[in-house]
């Protein structure tokens, strides 16, 4: 349910900003790496992972986000982990943590 909530809130925000939903996609690469949402802005991909845990594991998120490197000739932008953390912040290189209640 948390994944559906986050995806619907992000989609509503993009629609409110008059952006189309053609930049949204879901990725599962067959190696147990799963990204809940991938946003495409021009030539940059921004992965979003939703985790029901309280702490984001930066190393795991970076590894999963890196699977997007070079897809469709796009660059990899900042990724985001939405979880049940109390505070937001940076979890590692290119990974931002956002508490679900801030979405």
N, C-alpha and C. Protein backbone atom coordinates (compact mmCIF):
# COMPACT_ATOMS: atom_id res chain seq x y z
N UNK A 1 0.81 -1.19 0.00
CA UNK A 1 0.00 0.00 0.00
C UNK A 1 0.86 1.26 0.00
N UNK A 2 2.00 1.21 0.67
CA UNK A 2 2.87 2.38 0.72
C UNK A 2 3.37 2.75 -0.68
N UNK A 3 3.71 1.75 -1.48
CA UNK A 3 4.17 2.01 -2.85
C UNK A 3 3.09 2.69 -3.68
N UNK A 4 1.87 2.20 -3.56
CA UNK A 4 0.77 2.80 -4.31
C UNK A 4 0.52 4.24 -3.88
N UNK A 5 0.58 4.48 -2.57
CA UNK A 5 0.39 5.83 -2.05
C UNK A 5 1.44 6.78 -2.59
N UNK A 6 2.71 6.38 -2.50
CA UNK A 6 3.80 7.25 -2.96
C UNK A 6 3.68 7.50 -4.46
N UNK A 7 3.43 6.45 -5.25
CA UNK A 7 3.31 6.63 -6.70
C UNK A 7 2.16 7.56 -7.04
N UNK A 8 1.02 7.42 -6.38
CA UNK A 8 -0.12 8.28 -6.69
C UNK A 8 0.15 9.73 -6.29
N UNK A 9 0.84 9.95 -5.17
CA UNK A 9 1.16 11.32 -4.75
C UNK A 9 2.15 11.99 -5.69
N UNK A 10 3.14 11.24 -6.16
CA UNK A 10 4.11 11.78 -7.11
C UNK A 10 3.41 12.10 -8.43
N UNK A 11 2.56 11.20 -8.88
CA UNK A 11 1.84 11.44 -10.13
C UNK A 11 0.94 12.67 -10.02
N UNK A 12 0.25 12.82 -8.90
CA UNK A 12 -0.60 13.99 -8.72
C UNK A 12 0.21 15.28 -8.74
N UNK A 13 1.38 15.26 -8.11
CA UNK A 13 2.23 16.45 -8.10
C UNK A 13 2.71 16.79 -9.51
N UNK A 14 3.08 15.78 -10.29
CA UNK A 14 3.53 16.04 -11.66
C UNK A 14 2.39 16.56 -12.52
N UNK A 15 1.20 16.02 -12.36
CA UNK A 15 0.06 16.50 -13.13
C UNK A 15 -0.29 17.94 -12.74
N UNK A 16 -0.20 18.24 -11.46
CA UNK A 16 -0.48 19.60 -10.99
C UNK A 16 0.53 20.60 -11.56
N UNK A 17 1.75 20.13 -11.81
CA UNK A 17 2.78 20.98 -12.40
C UNK A 17 2.71 20.97 -13.93
N UNK A 18 1.64 20.40 -14.47
CA UNK A 18 1.38 20.32 -15.91
C UNK A 18 2.45 19.53 -16.67
N UNK A 19 2.95 18.48 -16.04
CA UNK A 19 3.87 17.56 -16.70
C UNK A 19 3.09 16.31 -17.08
N UNK A 20 3.40 15.73 -18.19
CA UNK A 20 2.70 14.53 -18.62
C UNK A 20 3.20 13.30 -17.88
N UNK A 21 2.41 12.25 -17.92
CA UNK A 21 2.79 11.01 -17.26
C UNK A 21 3.64 10.10 -18.16
N UNK A 22 4.00 10.57 -19.33
CA UNK A 22 4.81 9.74 -20.22
C UNK A 22 6.23 9.54 -19.69
N UNK A 23 6.65 10.32 -18.69
CA UNK A 23 7.97 10.16 -18.10
C UNK A 23 8.01 9.18 -16.94
N UNK A 24 6.88 8.52 -16.65
CA UNK A 24 6.80 7.58 -15.54
C UNK A 24 6.96 6.16 -16.04
N UNK A 25 7.69 5.34 -15.28
CA UNK A 25 7.77 3.92 -15.60
C UNK A 25 8.15 3.14 -14.35
N UNK A 26 8.04 1.82 -14.45
CA UNK A 26 8.36 0.88 -13.38
C UNK A 26 9.44 -0.04 -13.92
N UNK A 27 10.42 -0.35 -13.10
CA UNK A 27 11.53 -1.17 -13.58
C UNK A 27 11.77 -2.34 -12.65
N UNK A 28 11.87 -3.52 -13.23
CA UNK A 28 12.35 -4.72 -12.52
C UNK A 28 13.27 -5.40 -13.50
N UNK A 29 14.54 -5.54 -13.14
CA UNK A 29 15.52 -6.00 -14.12
C UNK A 29 15.82 -7.50 -14.10
N UNK A 30 15.09 -8.27 -13.32
CA UNK A 30 15.30 -9.71 -13.32
C UNK A 30 16.40 -10.19 -12.40
N UNK A 31 17.15 -9.27 -11.80
CA UNK A 31 18.21 -9.63 -10.87
C UNK A 31 17.83 -9.20 -9.46
N UNK A 32 16.54 -9.20 -9.18
CA UNK A 32 16.00 -8.82 -7.88
C UNK A 32 16.24 -7.35 -7.53
N UNK A 33 16.56 -6.55 -8.53
CA UNK A 33 16.67 -5.11 -8.31
C UNK A 33 15.36 -4.50 -8.79
N UNK A 34 14.72 -3.81 -7.91
CA UNK A 34 13.41 -3.28 -8.22
C UNK A 34 13.36 -1.80 -7.88
N UNK A 35 12.94 -1.01 -8.83
CA UNK A 35 12.72 0.41 -8.59
C UNK A 35 11.23 0.65 -8.74
N UNK A 36 10.67 1.30 -7.77
CA UNK A 36 9.22 1.46 -7.77
C UNK A 36 8.74 2.48 -8.78
N UNK A 37 9.57 3.46 -9.07
CA UNK A 37 9.16 4.48 -10.02
C UNK A 37 10.41 5.09 -10.64
N UNK A 38 10.37 5.34 -11.93
CA UNK A 38 11.47 6.02 -12.60
C UNK A 38 10.87 7.22 -13.32
N UNK A 39 11.37 8.40 -12.99
CA UNK A 39 10.90 9.63 -13.61
C UNK A 39 11.93 10.06 -14.64
N UNK A 40 11.46 10.45 -15.79
CA UNK A 40 12.37 10.90 -16.85
C UNK A 40 12.11 12.37 -17.14
N UNK A 41 13.16 13.16 -16.96
CA UNK A 41 13.11 14.58 -17.29
C UNK A 41 14.12 14.82 -18.39
N UNK A 42 13.64 14.95 -19.61
CA UNK A 42 14.54 15.12 -20.73
C UNK A 42 15.43 13.90 -20.89
N UNK A 43 16.73 14.09 -20.67
CA UNK A 43 17.70 13.02 -20.84
C UNK A 43 18.24 12.51 -19.50
N UNK A 44 17.50 12.75 -18.43
CA UNK A 44 17.94 12.37 -17.08
C UNK A 44 16.87 11.48 -16.43
N UNK A 45 17.32 10.36 -15.85
CA UNK A 45 16.43 9.44 -15.14
C UNK A 45 16.60 9.62 -13.64
N UNK A 46 15.47 9.70 -12.94
CA UNK A 46 15.46 9.84 -11.49
C UNK A 46 14.71 8.64 -10.89
N UNK A 47 15.42 7.69 -10.29
CA UNK A 47 14.76 6.52 -9.71
C UNK A 47 14.20 6.82 -8.32
N UNK A 48 13.09 6.18 -8.01
CA UNK A 48 12.47 6.28 -6.68
C UNK A 48 12.23 4.87 -6.18
N UNK A 49 12.71 4.59 -4.99
CA UNK A 49 12.49 3.29 -4.35
C UNK A 49 11.69 3.53 -3.08
N UNK A 50 10.65 2.75 -2.89
CA UNK A 50 9.82 2.85 -1.69
C UNK A 50 10.14 1.67 -0.81
N UNK A 51 10.47 1.95 0.45
CA UNK A 51 10.86 0.91 1.40
C UNK A 51 10.04 1.08 2.67
N UNK A 52 9.39 0.03 3.11
CA UNK A 52 8.55 0.10 4.30
C UNK A 52 9.36 0.11 5.59
N UNK A 53 10.68 0.03 5.50
CA UNK A 53 11.52 0.06 6.69
C UNK A 53 11.77 1.48 7.19
N UNK A 54 12.38 1.57 8.35
CA UNK A 54 12.68 2.89 8.94
C UNK A 54 13.99 3.48 8.45
N UNK A 55 14.89 2.66 7.95
CA UNK A 55 16.21 3.16 7.54
C UNK A 55 16.46 2.79 6.08
N UNK A 56 16.99 3.75 5.34
CA UNK A 56 17.34 3.50 3.95
C UNK A 56 18.75 2.93 3.90
N UNK A 57 18.95 1.90 3.12
CA UNK A 57 20.28 1.32 2.96
C UNK A 57 20.88 1.92 1.69
N UNK A 58 21.78 2.87 1.88
CA UNK A 58 22.36 3.62 0.76
C UNK A 58 23.07 2.73 -0.23
N UNK A 59 23.82 1.73 0.25
CA UNK A 59 24.58 0.87 -0.66
C UNK A 59 23.65 0.08 -1.58
N UNK A 60 22.56 -0.41 -1.03
CA UNK A 60 21.59 -1.16 -1.83
C UNK A 60 20.91 -0.24 -2.84
N UNK A 61 20.50 0.93 -2.39
CA UNK A 61 19.84 1.88 -3.28
C UNK A 61 20.78 2.31 -4.41
N UNK A 62 22.04 2.60 -4.09
CA UNK A 62 23.00 3.00 -5.13
C UNK A 62 23.19 1.90 -6.16
N UNK A 63 23.25 0.66 -5.71
CA UNK A 63 23.43 -0.47 -6.63
C UNK A 63 22.21 -0.61 -7.55
N UNK A 64 21.02 -0.48 -6.98
CA UNK A 64 19.81 -0.59 -7.79
C UNK A 64 19.67 0.60 -8.74
N UNK A 65 20.00 1.79 -8.26
CA UNK A 65 19.91 2.97 -9.11
C UNK A 65 20.91 2.90 -10.26
N UNK A 66 22.08 2.35 -10.00
CA UNK A 66 23.13 2.24 -11.01
C UNK A 66 22.71 1.37 -12.19
N UNK A 67 21.72 0.50 -11.98
CA UNK A 67 21.24 -0.35 -13.07
C UNK A 67 20.61 0.47 -14.18
N UNK A 68 20.29 1.74 -13.91
CA UNK A 68 19.71 2.61 -14.93
C UNK A 68 20.75 3.33 -15.77
N UNK A 69 22.00 3.28 -15.34
CA UNK A 69 23.06 4.01 -16.04
C UNK A 69 23.11 3.62 -17.51
N UNK A 70 22.97 4.59 -18.40
CA UNK A 70 23.06 4.35 -19.83
C UNK A 70 21.79 3.84 -20.49
N UNK A 71 20.70 3.67 -19.76
CA UNK A 71 19.45 3.21 -20.35
C UNK A 71 18.94 4.28 -21.31
N UNK A 72 18.65 3.90 -22.52
CA UNK A 72 18.17 4.83 -23.56
C UNK A 72 19.08 6.03 -23.74
N UNK A 73 20.36 5.87 -23.45
CA UNK A 73 21.31 6.97 -23.60
C UNK A 73 21.12 8.09 -22.60
N UNK A 74 20.43 7.79 -21.50
CA UNK A 74 20.14 8.81 -20.49
C UNK A 74 21.19 8.82 -19.39
N UNK A 75 21.29 9.97 -18.74
CA UNK A 75 22.13 10.12 -17.56
C UNK A 75 21.34 9.70 -16.33
N UNK A 76 22.04 9.36 -15.28
CA UNK A 76 21.41 9.02 -14.01
C UNK A 76 21.44 10.24 -13.11
N UNK A 77 20.27 10.71 -12.72
CA UNK A 77 20.17 11.85 -11.82
C UNK A 77 20.06 11.39 -10.37
N UNK A 78 19.70 12.30 -9.50
CA UNK A 78 19.51 11.97 -8.09
C UNK A 78 18.40 10.95 -7.95
N UNK A 79 18.61 9.97 -7.07
CA UNK A 79 17.59 8.98 -6.75
C UNK A 79 17.02 9.27 -5.38
N UNK A 80 15.88 8.71 -5.12
CA UNK A 80 15.21 8.97 -3.85
C UNK A 80 14.71 7.66 -3.24
N UNK A 81 14.90 7.53 -1.94
CA UNK A 81 14.33 6.41 -1.19
C UNK A 81 13.27 6.99 -0.27
N UNK A 82 12.04 6.56 -0.44
CA UNK A 82 10.95 6.98 0.43
C UNK A 82 10.72 5.84 1.41
N UNK A 83 10.85 6.14 2.71
CA UNK A 83 10.73 5.11 3.73
C UNK A 83 10.07 5.69 4.98
N UNK A 84 10.05 4.94 6.03
CA UNK A 84 9.40 5.37 7.27
C UNK A 84 10.38 6.04 8.22
N UNK A 85 11.43 6.65 7.67
CA UNK A 85 12.42 7.37 8.48
C UNK A 85 11.75 8.58 9.13
N UNK A 86 12.35 9.05 10.21
CA UNK A 86 11.81 10.23 10.89
C UNK A 86 12.22 11.53 10.21
N UNK A 87 13.44 11.55 9.65
CA UNK A 87 13.97 12.77 9.05
C UNK A 87 14.42 12.52 7.63
N UNK A 88 14.45 13.60 6.84
CA UNK A 88 14.97 13.49 5.49
C UNK A 88 16.47 13.74 5.51
N UNK A 89 17.11 13.49 4.39
CA UNK A 89 18.55 13.71 4.31
C UNK A 89 19.16 13.00 3.13
N UNK A 90 20.48 13.01 3.09
CA UNK A 90 21.23 12.35 2.03
C UNK A 90 21.80 11.07 2.61
N UNK A 91 21.53 9.94 1.95
CA UNK A 91 21.97 8.64 2.47
C UNK A 91 23.27 8.19 1.84
N UNK A 92 23.65 8.79 0.77
CA UNK A 92 24.86 8.40 0.07
C UNK A 92 24.97 9.19 -1.20
N UNK A 93 25.97 8.89 -1.98
CA UNK A 93 26.19 9.63 -3.22
C UNK A 93 25.00 9.47 -4.17
N UNK A 94 24.31 10.55 -4.44
CA UNK A 94 23.20 10.53 -5.38
C UNK A 94 21.91 9.95 -4.83
N UNK A 95 21.82 9.75 -3.50
CA UNK A 95 20.62 9.14 -2.90
C UNK A 95 20.06 10.06 -1.81
N UNK A 96 18.83 10.48 -1.98
CA UNK A 96 18.13 11.32 -1.01
C UNK A 96 17.09 10.46 -0.30
N UNK A 97 16.96 10.63 1.01
CA UNK A 97 15.96 9.92 1.80
C UNK A 97 14.83 10.87 2.14
N UNK A 98 13.60 10.44 1.90
CA UNK A 98 12.41 11.23 2.20
C UNK A 98 11.47 10.38 3.03
N UNK A 99 11.07 10.87 4.21
CA UNK A 99 10.06 10.13 4.99
C UNK A 99 8.73 10.11 4.23
N UNK A 100 8.03 9.01 4.32
CA UNK A 100 6.76 8.86 3.59
C UNK A 100 5.76 9.95 3.95
N UNK A 101 5.80 10.42 5.17
CA UNK A 101 4.84 11.44 5.59
C UNK A 101 5.10 12.79 4.93
N UNK A 102 6.25 12.97 4.27
CA UNK A 102 6.54 14.23 3.58
C UNK A 102 6.16 14.18 2.11
N UNK A 103 5.71 13.05 1.63
CA UNK A 103 5.38 12.92 0.20
C UNK A 103 4.11 13.68 -0.10
